[in-house]
C-alpha atoms as a PDB file:
ATOM      1  CA  CYS A   1     156.426 103.933  93.831  1.00  0.00           C
ATOM      2  CA  ALA A   2     152.752 103.734  92.844  1.00  0.00           C
ATOM      3  CA  LEU A   3     150.101 105.421  94.943  1.00  0.00           C
ATOM      4  CA  PRO A   4     147.482 103.220  96.661  1.00  0.00           C
ATOM      5  CA  ILE A   5     144.234 102.755  94.774  1.00  0.00           C
ATOM      6  CA  TYR A   6     140.893 102.870  96.593  1.00  0.00           C
ATOM      7  CA  MET A   7     138.422 100.010  96.079  1.00  0.00           C
ATOM      8  CA  THR A   8     135.222  98.700  97.649  1.00  0.00           C
ATOM      9  CA  LEU A   9     134.588  95.044  98.443  1.00  0.00           C
ATOM     10  CA  THR A  10     131.260  94.055  96.897  1.00  0.00           C
ATOM     11  CA  ALA A  11     130.699  90.300  97.374  1.00  0.00           C
ATOM     12  CA  VAL A  12     132.094  87.053  98.750  1.00  0.00           C
ATOM     13  CA  ASN A  13     131.343  83.468  97.835  1.00  0.00           C
ATOM     14  CA  ALA A  14     133.179  80.310  98.829  1.00  0.00           C
ATOM     15  CA  ASN A  15     133.236  76.561  98.580  1.00  0.00           C
ATOM     16  CA  LEU A  16     134.885  73.450  99.978  1.00  0.00           C
ATOM     17  CA  GLY A  17     135.992  70.421  97.988  1.00  0.00           C
ATOM     18  CA  VAL A  18     133.644  68.226 100.057  1.00  0.00           C
ATOM     19  CA  ALA A  19     130.484  69.055 102.006  1.00  0.00           C
ATOM     20  CA  PRO A  20     131.219  69.716 105.688  1.00  0.00           C
ATOM     21  CA  GLY A  21     129.536  67.603 108.376  1.00  0.00           C
ATOM     22  CA  GLY A  22     128.692  70.796 110.287  1.00  0.00           C
ATOM     23  CA  ASN A  23     128.729  74.481 109.459  1.00  0.00           C
ATOM     24  CA  PHE A  24     132.101  75.808 108.268  1.00  0.00           C
ATOM     25  CA  VAL A  25     132.484  79.430 109.400  1.00  0.00           C
ATOM     26  CA  PHE A  26     135.186  81.869 108.334  1.00  0.00           C
ATOM     27  CA  GLN A  27     136.028  85.558 108.511  1.00  0.00           C
ATOM     28  CA  ILE A  28     137.871  87.888 106.190  1.00  0.00           C
ATOM     29  CA  LEU A  29     140.492  89.951 107.968  1.00  0.00           C
ATOM     30  CA  LYS A  30     141.687  93.301 106.643  1.00  0.00           C
ATOM     31  CA  ASN A  31     145.106  94.109 108.053  1.00  0.00           C
ATOM     32  CA  GLY A  32     144.523  91.587 110.838  1.00  0.00           C
ATOM     33  CA  LEU A  33     141.061  92.819 111.870  1.00  0.00           C
ATOM     34  CA  SER A  34     137.745  91.202 110.969  1.00  0.00           C
ATOM     35  CA  ILE A  35     135.590  93.115 108.486  1.00  0.00           C
ATOM     36  CA  GLY A  36     132.758  92.285 110.914  1.00  0.00           C
ATOM     37  CA  ILE A  37     130.979  89.444 109.116  1.00  0.00           C
ATOM     38  CA  ASN A  38     131.081  85.689 109.690  1.00  0.00           C
ATOM     39  CA  PHE A  39     130.591  83.734 106.467  1.00  0.00           C
ATOM     40  CA  THR A  40     129.086  80.238 106.608  1.00  0.00           C
ATOM     41  CA  ILE A  41     129.215  77.221 104.354  1.00  0.00           C
ATOM     42  CA  THR A  42     126.314  75.223 105.746  1.00  0.00           C
ATOM     43  CA  ALA A  43     126.452  71.573 106.757  1.00  0.00           C
ATOM     44  CA  GLN A  44     126.027  69.001 103.988  1.00  0.00           C
ATOM     45  CA  ASN A  45     126.523  71.621 101.241  1.00  0.00           C
ATOM     46  CA  PRO A  46     129.987  72.444  99.862  1.00  0.00           C
ATOM     47  CA  LEU A  47     128.844  75.748  98.274  1.00  0.00           C
ATOM     48  CA  MET A  48     128.151  79.049 100.002  1.00  0.00           C
ATOM     49  CA  GLY A  49     125.707  81.448  98.384  1.00  0.00           C
ATOM     50  CA  VAL A  50     126.975  84.868  97.375  1.00  0.00           C
ATOM     51  CA  VAL A  51     127.041  87.390 100.228  1.00  0.00           C
ATOM     52  CA  TYR A  52     126.842  91.001  99.036  1.00  0.00           C
ATOM     53  CA  LEU A  53     128.818  93.573 101.011  1.00  0.00           C
ATOM     54  CA  SER A  54     128.487  97.300 101.458  1.00  0.00           C
ATOM     55  CA  ASN A  55     130.699 100.023 102.872  1.00  0.00           C
ATOM     56  CA  ILE A  56     133.881  97.959 103.082  1.00  0.00           C
ATOM     57  CA  SER A  57     136.658 100.067 101.650  1.00  0.00           C
ATOM     58  CA  LEU A  58     140.041  98.750 100.688  1.00  0.00           C
ATOM     59  CA  LEU A  59     143.367 100.107  99.501  1.00  0.00           C
ATOM     60  CA  THR A  60     145.717  98.190  97.245  1.00  0.00           C
ATOM     61  CA  THR A  61     148.192  98.361 100.149  1.00  0.00           C
ATOM     62  CA  ASP A  62     145.788  96.555 102.547  1.00  0.00           C
ATOM     63  CA  ARG A  63     146.284  92.862 103.277  1.00  0.00           C
ATOM     64  CA  LEU A  64     143.370  90.396 103.280  1.00  0.00           C
ATOM     65  CA  THR A  65     143.552  87.044 105.067  1.00  0.00           C
ATOM     66  CA  ILE A  66     141.057  84.305 105.968  1.00  0.00           C
ATOM     67  CA  ASN A  67     140.423  83.114 109.530  1.00  0.00           C
ATOM     68  CA  VAL A  68     138.550  79.825 110.000  1.00  0.00           C
ATOM     69  CA  VAL A  69     136.302  80.303 113.048  1.00  0.00           C
ATOM     70  CA  ALA A  70     134.541  76.930 113.248  1.00  0.00           C
ATOM     71  CA  GLY A  71     133.826  73.858 111.226  1.00  0.00           C
ATOM     72  CA  SER A  72     133.947  70.123 111.065  1.00  0.00           C
ATOM     73  CA  ALA A  73     135.667  70.264 107.685  1.00  0.00           C
ATOM     74  CA  ASN A  74     139.412  70.709 107.717  1.00  0.00           C
ATOM     75  CA  GLY A  75     139.301  73.351 104.995  1.00  0.00           C
ATOM     76  CA  GLN A  76     140.301  70.854 102.327  1.00  0.00           C
ATOM     77  CA  ASP A  77     140.148  72.528  98.937  1.00  0.00           C
ATOM     78  CA  PHE A  78     138.685  75.705 100.454  1.00  0.00           C
ATOM     79  CA  ALA A  79     138.317  78.536  97.953  1.00  0.00           C
ATOM     80  CA  ALA A  80     136.928  82.025  98.451  1.00  0.00           C
ATOM     81  CA  LYS A  81     136.168  84.571  95.732  1.00  0.00           C
ATOM     82  CA  ILE A  82     136.192  88.188  96.839  1.00  0.00           C
ATOM     83  CA  SER A  83     134.757  90.704  94.380  1.00  0.00           C
ATOM     84  CA  TYR A  84     135.515  94.422  94.365  1.00  0.00           C
ATOM     85  CA  ILE A  85     135.052  97.556  92.316  1.00  0.00           C
END
């Protein structure tokens, strides 16, 4: 059994396959709890700019999930890139 490895989340960027009619807002959950930031893909633009993070630690045994908070898009072709060191 391998020991958990410590990491730090450093950045998030995301996109939709089509531009949403209104803001598309999502959260990243770590073990079921929000990391405390709402991320937004703004209306009429399918790309979200990179959001740099600080002080968000992570273990390889932690589980990350996405929670869609609001949006007129249905999440079609939603993709999020989460960077870490």
